[in-house]
Amino acid sequence: MKFFVLLVIAYLLGSIPSGVWVGKLFFKKDLRQFGSGNTGTTNTFRVLGKKAGIAVLFMDILKGTLATSLPALFSLDVNPLVFGVAAVLGHTFPVFANFKGGKAVATSAGMILAYNPSFFVYSALIFIIMLYITSMVSLTSMISAVLITLSTVILPFAIPAILPKFDWLLTTIAIALTIFIFIRHKDNIKRIKDGTESRVPFGLGAKKIIK
């Protein structure tokens, strides 16, 4: 019974629509009606600005971290990633926002943070490097998802200090989330192909535009 109760709590934590609530509470805007219509961090940055974007980013990461920490907090002998996935599903299909949420990236990062902080730092570095190279959050998210998934298999044997042992559930979830992230970015993929995808104002891609 405890398992199912905590699983529901994890989903509800993930369902907290950070972007929607920040937009309505502080800016009197429904984020779903502006920009891409997405409730995640990237659209928050574009529509509501840097401070709101940073706040939503941390809130979305925190949702995944708290949900994944539930087994440890309540002494439940279950792989914490199960609850992290519930939070990711809640973030993407939030019951508090008509099941229209974000693209699973930030909350997935929060799940990794609770599961293995060293692997989180490693994954964050991959994301930052890719963002500098591409200057596109969408493309960075997809490339990073692929690289992080490959890393779940390689690191336990190559650099065990970061990921001490191979966890088949972590790899399985990483593969599923990578596929899911690509599906959620299907519109972005089309814009990338058309050369119309939005870019951040820094990095190598941004420099090409300036030239």
C-alpha atoms as a PDB file:
ATOM      1  CA  MET A   1       0.000   0.000   0.000  1.00  0.00           C
ATOM      2  CA  LYS A   2       2.840   2.395   0.881  1.00  0.00           C
ATOM      3  CA  PHE A   3       4.354   1.829  -2.565  1.00  0.00           C
ATOM      4  CA  PHE A   4       1.183   2.877  -4.410  1.00  0.00           C
ATOM      5  CA  VAL A   5       0.550   5.871  -2.139  1.00  0.00           C
ATOM      6  CA  LEU A   6       4.084   7.162  -2.695  1.00  0.00           C
ATOM      7  CA  LEU A   7       3.794   6.500  -6.416  1.00  0.00           C
ATOM      8  CA  VAL A   8       0.700   8.717  -6.556  1.00  0.00           C
ATOM      9  CA  ILE A   9       2.502  11.380  -4.507  1.00  0.00           C
ATOM     10  CA  ALA A  10       5.431  11.243  -6.941  1.00  0.00           C
ATOM     11  CA  TYR A  11       3.073  11.733  -9.878  1.00  0.00           C
ATOM     12  CA  LEU A  12       1.324  14.635  -8.130  1.00  0.00           C
ATOM     13  CA  LEU A  13       4.673  16.271  -7.358  1.00  0.00           C
ATOM     14  CA  GLY A  14       5.568  16.029 -11.025  1.00  0.00           C
ATOM     15  CA  SER A  15       2.158  17.398 -11.966  1.00  0.00           C
ATOM     16  CA  ILE A  16       2.785  20.740 -10.277  1.00  0.00           C
ATOM     17  CA  PRO A  17       2.723  23.080 -13.323  1.00  0.00           C
ATOM     18  CA  SER A  18       5.535  25.388 -12.243  1.00  0.00           C
ATOM     19  CA  GLY A  19       5.534  27.485 -15.412  1.00  0.00           C
ATOM     20  CA  VAL A  20       1.760  27.939 -15.415  1.00  0.00           C
ATOM     21  CA  TRP A  21       1.617  28.919 -11.760  1.00  0.00           C
ATOM     22  CA  VAL A  22       4.580  31.325 -11.944  1.00  0.00           C
ATOM     23  CA  GLY A  23       3.111  32.934 -15.066  1.00  0.00           C
ATOM     24  CA  LYS A  24      -0.353  33.409 -13.602  1.00  0.00           C
ATOM     25  CA  LEU A  25       0.768  34.422 -10.116  1.00  0.00           C
ATOM     26  CA  PHE A  26       3.507  36.917 -10.978  1.00  0.00           C
ATOM     27  CA  PHE A  27       2.873  37.926 -14.596  1.00  0.00           C
ATOM     28  CA  LYS A  28      -0.876  37.437 -15.053  1.00  0.00           C
ATOM     29  CA  LYS A  29      -0.114  35.299 -18.116  1.00  0.00           C
ATOM     30  CA  ASP A  30      -1.081  31.751 -18.988  1.00  0.00           C
ATOM     31  CA  LEU A  31       2.125  30.332 -20.429  1.00  0.00           C
ATOM     32  CA  ARG A  32       0.106  27.917 -22.574  1.00  0.00           C
ATOM     33  CA  GLN A  33      -1.213  30.836 -24.616  1.00  0.00           C
ATOM     34  CA  PHE A  34       2.179  32.329 -25.499  1.00  0.00           C
ATOM     35  CA  GLY A  35       5.275  31.266 -27.401  1.00  0.00           C
ATOM     36  CA  SER A  36       5.325  27.542 -28.107  1.00  0.00           C
ATOM     37  CA  GLY A  37       2.484  26.970 -25.653  1.00  0.00           C
ATOM     38  CA  ASN A  38       4.720  24.637 -23.663  1.00  0.00           C
ATOM     39  CA  THR A  39       4.754  24.956 -19.868  1.00  0.00           C
ATOM     40  CA  GLY A  40       8.415  24.051 -19.399  1.00  0.00           C
ATOM     41  CA  THR A  41      11.580  26.011 -18.725  1.00  0.00           C
ATOM     42  CA  THR A  42      12.480  27.053 -22.279  1.00  0.00           C
ATOM     43  CA  ASN A  43       9.138  28.668 -23.049  1.00  0.00           C
ATOM     44  CA  THR A  44       9.169  30.316 -19.618  1.00  0.00           C
ATOM     45  CA  PHE A  45      12.520  31.949 -20.426  1.00  0.00           C
ATOM     46  CA  ARG A  46      11.216  33.206 -23.774  1.00  0.00           C
ATOM     47  CA  VAL A  47       7.853  34.479 -22.558  1.00  0.00           C
ATOM     48  CA  LEU A  48       8.392  35.515 -18.934  1.00  0.00           C
ATOM     49  CA  GLY A  49      12.108  36.298 -18.835  1.00  0.00           C
ATOM     50  CA  LYS A  50      15.315  35.090 -17.214  1.00  0.00           C
ATOM     51  CA  LYS A  51      14.280  35.256 -13.538  1.00  0.00           C
ATOM     52  CA  ALA A  52      11.056  33.351 -14.130  1.00  0.00           C
ATOM     53  CA  GLY A  53      12.880  30.840 -16.325  1.00  0.00           C
ATOM     54  CA  ILE A  54      15.498  30.134 -13.662  1.00  0.00           C
ATOM     55  CA  ALA A  55      12.805  29.787 -10.994  1.00  0.00           C
ATOM     56  CA  VAL A  56      10.803  27.320 -13.096  1.00  0.00           C
ATOM     57  CA  LEU A  57      13.958  25.384 -13.992  1.00  0.00           C
ATOM     58  CA  PHE A  58      14.811  24.858 -10.324  1.00  0.00           C
ATOM     59  CA  MET A  59      11.212  24.019  -9.444  1.00  0.00           C
ATOM     60  CA  ASP A  60      10.986  21.427 -12.221  1.00  0.00           C
ATOM     61  CA  ILE A  61      14.300  19.861 -11.200  1.00  0.00           C
ATOM     62  CA  LEU A  62      13.186  19.847  -7.564  1.00  0.00           C
ATOM     63  CA  LYS A  63      10.004  17.951  -8.461  1.00  0.00           C
ATOM     64  CA  GLY A  64      12.041  15.096  -9.886  1.00  0.00           C
ATOM     65  CA  THR A  65      14.498  15.155  -6.990  1.00  0.00           C
ATOM     66  CA  LEU A  66      11.821  15.050  -4.292  1.00  0.00           C
ATOM     67  CA  ALA A  67       9.857  12.303  -6.020  1.00  0.00           C
ATOM     68  CA  THR A  68      12.945  10.140  -6.517  1.00  0.00           C
ATOM     69  CA  SER A  69      13.893  10.653  -2.852  1.00  0.00           C
ATOM     70  CA  LEU A  70      10.563   9.323  -1.546  1.00  0.00           C
ATOM     71  CA  PRO A  71      11.729   5.696  -1.033  1.00  0.00           C
ATOM     72  CA  ALA A  72      14.676   6.884   1.083  1.00  0.00           C
ATOM     73  CA  LEU A  73      12.510   9.298   3.060  1.00  0.00           C
ATOM     74  CA  PHE A  74       9.894   6.635   3.838  1.00  0.00           C
ATOM     75  CA  SER A  75      12.183   3.595   4.152  1.00  0.00           C
ATOM     76  CA  LEU A  76      10.863   1.775   1.108  1.00  0.00           C
ATOM     77  CA  ASP A  77      13.128  -0.808  -0.522  1.00  0.00           C
ATOM     78  CA  VAL A  78      12.352   0.028  -4.147  1.00  0.00           C
ATOM     79  CA  ASN A  79      14.557   1.420  -6.896  1.00  0.00           C
ATOM     80  CA  PRO A  80      14.008   5.207  -6.571  1.00  0.00           C
ATOM     81  CA  LEU A  81      13.976   5.621 -10.349  1.00  0.00           C
ATOM     82  CA  VAL A  82      10.461   4.167 -10.392  1.00  0.00           C
ATOM     83  CA  PHE A  83       9.218   7.217  -8.510  1.00  0.00           C
ATOM     84  CA  GLY A  84      11.314   9.532 -10.640  1.00  0.00           C
ATOM     85  CA  VAL A  85       9.576   8.218 -13.743  1.00  0.00           C
ATOM     86  CA  ALA A  86       6.197   8.837 -12.094  1.00  0.00           C
ATOM     87  CA  ALA A  87       7.228  12.467 -11.556  1.00  0.00           C
ATOM     88  CA  VAL A  88       8.397  12.793 -15.162  1.00  0.00           C
ATOM     89  CA  LEU A  89       5.039  11.479 -16.367  1.00  0.00           C
ATOM     90  CA  GLY A  90       3.318  13.925 -14.036  1.00  0.00           C
ATOM     91  CA  HIS A  91       5.402  16.785 -15.398  1.00  0.00           C
ATOM     92  CA  THR A  92       4.575  15.838 -18.985  1.00  0.00           C
ATOM     93  CA  PHE A  93       0.917  14.981 -18.372  1.00  0.00           C
ATOM     94  CA  PRO A  94      -0.009  17.085 -15.310  1.00  0.00           C
ATOM     95  CA  VAL A  95      -3.394  16.484 -13.755  1.00  0.00           C
ATOM     96  CA  PHE A  96      -3.355  20.109 -12.518  1.00  0.00           C
ATOM     97  CA  ALA A  97      -2.980  21.549 -16.042  1.00  0.00           C
ATOM     98  CA  ASN A  98      -5.317  19.492 -18.223  1.00  0.00           C
ATOM     99  CA  PHE A  99      -2.561  16.931 -18.866  1.00  0.00           C
ATOM    100  CA  LYS A 100      -0.580  19.386 -21.025  1.00  0.00           C
ATOM    101  CA  GLY A 101       2.891  19.845 -19.600  1.00  0.00           C
ATOM    102  CA  GLY A 102       6.583  20.123 -20.381  1.00  0.00           C
ATOM    103  CA  LYS A 103       8.987  18.007 -22.396  1.00  0.00           C
ATOM    104  CA  ALA A 104      10.416  15.905 -19.549  1.00  0.00           C
ATOM    105  CA  VAL A 105      13.977  17.293 -19.581  1.00  0.00           C
ATOM    106  CA  ALA A 106      14.276  19.281 -16.318  1.00  0.00           C
ATOM    107  CA  THR A 107      12.326  16.809 -14.175  1.00  0.00           C
ATOM    108  CA  SER A 108      14.398  13.952 -15.607  1.00  0.00           C
ATOM    109  CA  ALA A 109      17.478  15.897 -14.513  1.00  0.00           C
ATOM    110  CA  GLY A 110      16.015  16.127 -11.016  1.00  0.00           C
ATOM    111  CA  MET A 111      15.510  12.366 -11.015  1.00  0.00           C
ATOM    112  CA  ILE A 112      19.192  11.849 -11.894  1.00  0.00           C
ATOM    113  CA  LEU A 113      20.244  14.318  -9.179  1.00  0.00           C
ATOM    114  CA  ALA A 114      18.526  12.265  -6.478  1.00  0.00           C
ATOM    115  CA  TYR A 115      19.694   8.953  -7.937  1.00  0.00           C
ATOM    116  CA  ASN A 116      23.378   9.861  -8.344  1.00  0.00           C
ATOM    117  CA  PRO A 117      24.661  13.446  -7.841  1.00  0.00           C
ATOM    118  CA  SER A 118      27.957  12.689  -9.616  1.00  0.00           C
ATOM    119  CA  PHE A 119      26.129  11.414 -12.669  1.00  0.00           C
ATOM    120  CA  PHE A 120      23.923  14.516 -12.523  1.00  0.00           C
ATOM    121  CA  VAL A 121      26.994  16.790 -12.670  1.00  0.00           C
ATOM    122  CA  TYR A 122      28.380  14.717 -15.553  1.00  0.00           C
ATOM    123  CA  SER A 123      25.046  14.941 -17.404  1.00  0.00           C
ATOM    124  CA  ALA A 124      24.771  18.679 -16.740  1.00  0.00           C
ATOM    125  CA  LEU A 125      28.237  19.207 -18.233  1.00  0.00           C
ATOM    126  CA  ILE A 126      27.187  17.314 -21.362  1.00  0.00           C
ATOM    127  CA  PHE A 127      24.122  19.550 -21.644  1.00  0.00           C
ATOM    128  CA  ILE A 128      26.119  22.766 -21.156  1.00  0.00           C
ATOM    129  CA  ILE A 129      28.753  21.770 -23.718  1.00  0.00           C
ATOM    130  CA  MET A 130      26.133  20.756 -26.280  1.00  0.00           C
ATOM    131  CA  LEU A 131      24.196  23.974 -25.684  1.00  0.00           C
ATOM    132  CA  TYR A 132      27.348  26.014 -26.310  1.00  0.00           C
ATOM    133  CA  ILE A 133      27.986  24.106 -29.541  1.00  0.00           C
ATOM    134  CA  THR A 134      24.430  24.180 -30.922  1.00  0.00           C
ATOM    135  CA  SER A 135      22.888  27.266 -29.252  1.00  0.00           C
ATOM    136  CA  MET A 136      19.572  25.390 -29.444  1.00  0.00           C
ATOM    137  CA  VAL A 137      17.932  24.046 -26.291  1.00  0.00           C
ATOM    138  CA  SER A 138      15.818  21.564 -28.239  1.00  0.00           C
ATOM    139  CA  LEU A 139      18.717  20.029 -30.175  1.00  0.00           C
ATOM    140  CA  THR A 140      20.851  20.045 -27.037  1.00  0.00           C
ATOM    141  CA  SER A 141      18.149  18.174 -25.113  1.00  0.00           C
ATOM    142  CA  MET A 142      17.931  15.441 -27.747  1.00  0.00           C
ATOM    143  CA  ILE A 143      21.688  15.019 -28.238  1.00  0.00           C
ATOM    144  CA  SER A 144      22.266  15.036 -24.479  1.00  0.00           C
ATOM    145  CA  ALA A 145      19.594  12.387 -23.962  1.00  0.00           C
ATOM    146  CA  VAL A 146      21.366  10.086 -26.431  1.00  0.00           C
ATOM    147  CA  LEU A 147      24.817  10.696 -24.920  1.00  0.00           C
ATOM    148  CA  ILE A 148      23.579  10.245 -21.358  1.00  0.00           C
ATOM    149  CA  THR A 149      21.849   6.998 -22.307  1.00  0.00           C
ATOM    150  CA  LEU A 150      25.071   5.667 -23.836  1.00  0.00           C
ATOM    151  CA  SER A 151      26.919   6.788 -20.719  1.00  0.00           C
ATOM    152  CA  THR A 152      24.732   4.613 -18.475  1.00  0.00           C
ATOM    153  CA  VAL A 153      26.293   1.620 -20.223  1.00  0.00           C
ATOM    154  CA  ILE A 154      29.862   2.890 -20.687  1.00  0.00           C
ATOM    155  CA  LEU A 155      30.631   4.719 -17.423  1.00  0.00           C
ATOM    156  CA  PRO A 156      30.278   1.763 -15.005  1.00  0.00           C
ATOM    157  CA  PHE A 157      33.163   0.105 -16.854  1.00  0.00           C
ATOM    158  CA  ALA A 158      35.146   3.162 -18.009  1.00  0.00           C
ATOM    159  CA  ILE A 159      34.765   5.640 -15.120  1.00  0.00           C
ATOM    160  CA  PRO A 160      33.117   3.855 -12.153  1.00  0.00           C
ATOM    161  CA  ALA A 161      33.822   6.880  -9.944  1.00  0.00           C
ATOM    162  CA  ILE A 162      30.897   8.597 -11.683  1.00  0.00           C
ATOM    163  CA  LEU A 163      28.583   5.610 -12.058  1.00  0.00           C
ATOM    164  CA  PRO A 164      29.813   2.723  -9.864  1.00  0.00           C
ATOM    165  CA  LYS A 165      27.686  -0.068 -11.291  1.00  0.00           C
ATOM    166  CA  PHE A 166      25.539  -0.891 -14.275  1.00  0.00           C
ATOM    167  CA  ASP A 167      21.835  -0.480 -13.484  1.00  0.00           C
ATOM    168  CA  TRP A 168      19.648  -2.075 -16.129  1.00  0.00           C
ATOM    169  CA  LEU A 169      16.637  -0.076 -14.928  1.00  0.00           C
ATOM    170  CA  LEU A 170      18.529   3.210 -15.332  1.00  0.00           C
ATOM    171  CA  THR A 171      19.524   2.282 -18.886  1.00  0.00           C
ATOM    172  CA  THR A 172      16.008   1.101 -19.744  1.00  0.00           C
ATOM    173  CA  ILE A 173      14.484   4.311 -18.396  1.00  0.00           C
ATOM    174  CA  ALA A 174      17.122   6.392 -20.190  1.00  0.00           C
ATOM    175  CA  ILE A 175      16.293   4.706 -23.510  1.00  0.00           C
ATOM    176  CA  ALA A 176      12.558   5.207 -22.959  1.00  0.00           C
ATOM    177  CA  LEU A 177      13.020   8.854 -21.964  1.00  0.00           C
ATOM    178  CA  THR A 178      15.256   9.510 -24.969  1.00  0.00           C
ATOM    179  CA  ILE A 179      12.572   8.191 -27.312  1.00  0.00           C
ATOM    180  CA  PHE A 180       9.964  10.177 -25.388  1.00  0.00           C
ATOM    181  CA  ILE A 181      12.034  13.382 -25.562  1.00  0.00           C
ATOM    182  CA  PHE A 182      12.431  12.996 -29.327  1.00  0.00           C
ATOM    183  CA  ILE A 183       8.669  12.525 -29.698  1.00  0.00           C
ATOM    184  CA  ARG A 184       7.959  15.585 -27.549  1.00  0.00           C
ATOM    185  CA  HIS A 185      10.354  17.603 -29.731  1.00  0.00           C
ATOM    186  CA  LYS A 186       8.857  16.593 -33.086  1.00  0.00           C
ATOM    187  CA  ASP A 187       7.848  20.184 -33.895  1.00  0.00           C
ATOM    188  CA  ASN A 188      11.330  21.376 -32.937  1.00  0.00           C
ATOM    189  CA  ILE A 189      12.899  18.771 -35.225  1.00  0.00           C
ATOM    190  CA  LYS A 190      10.887  20.153 -38.141  1.00  0.00           C
ATOM    191  CA  ARG A 191      12.007  23.709 -37.341  1.00  0.00           C
ATOM    192  CA  ILE A 192      15.627  22.575 -37.027  1.00  0.00           C
ATOM    193  CA  LYS A 193      15.420  21.024 -40.499  1.00  0.00           C
ATOM    194  CA  ASP A 194      13.826  24.217 -41.843  1.00  0.00           C
ATOM    195  CA  GLY A 195      16.451  26.393 -40.169  1.00  0.00           C
ATOM    196  CA  THR A 196      13.840  28.292 -38.151  1.00  0.00           C
ATOM    197  CA  GLU A 197      14.425  26.883 -34.667  1.00  0.00           C
ATOM    198  CA  SER A 198      14.970  29.453 -31.908  1.00  0.00           C
ATOM    199  CA  ARG A 199      18.498  29.857 -30.559  1.00  0.00           C
ATOM    200  CA  VAL A 200      19.886  31.138 -27.296  1.00  0.00           C
ATOM    201  CA  PRO A 201      21.994  34.332 -27.569  1.00  0.00           C
ATOM    202  CA  PHE A 202      25.313  32.620 -26.842  1.00  0.00           C
ATOM    203  CA  GLY A 203      27.458  29.762 -28.077  1.00  0.00           C
ATOM    204  CA  LEU A 204      28.842  28.809 -31.478  1.00  0.00           C
ATOM    205  CA  GLY A 205      25.428  28.702 -33.155  1.00  0.00           C
ATOM    206  CA  ALA A 206      24.613  32.209 -31.954  1.00  0.00           C
ATOM    207  CA  LYS A 207      27.944  33.495 -33.259  1.00  0.00           C
ATOM    208  CA  LYS A 208      27.146  32.137 -36.711  1.00  0.00           C
ATOM    209  CA  ILE A 209      23.902  34.107 -36.728  1.00  0.00           C
ATOM    210  CA  ILE A 210      25.673  37.299 -35.656  1.00  0.00           C
ATOM    211  CA  LYS A 211      28.164  36.937 -38.515  1.00  0.00           C
END
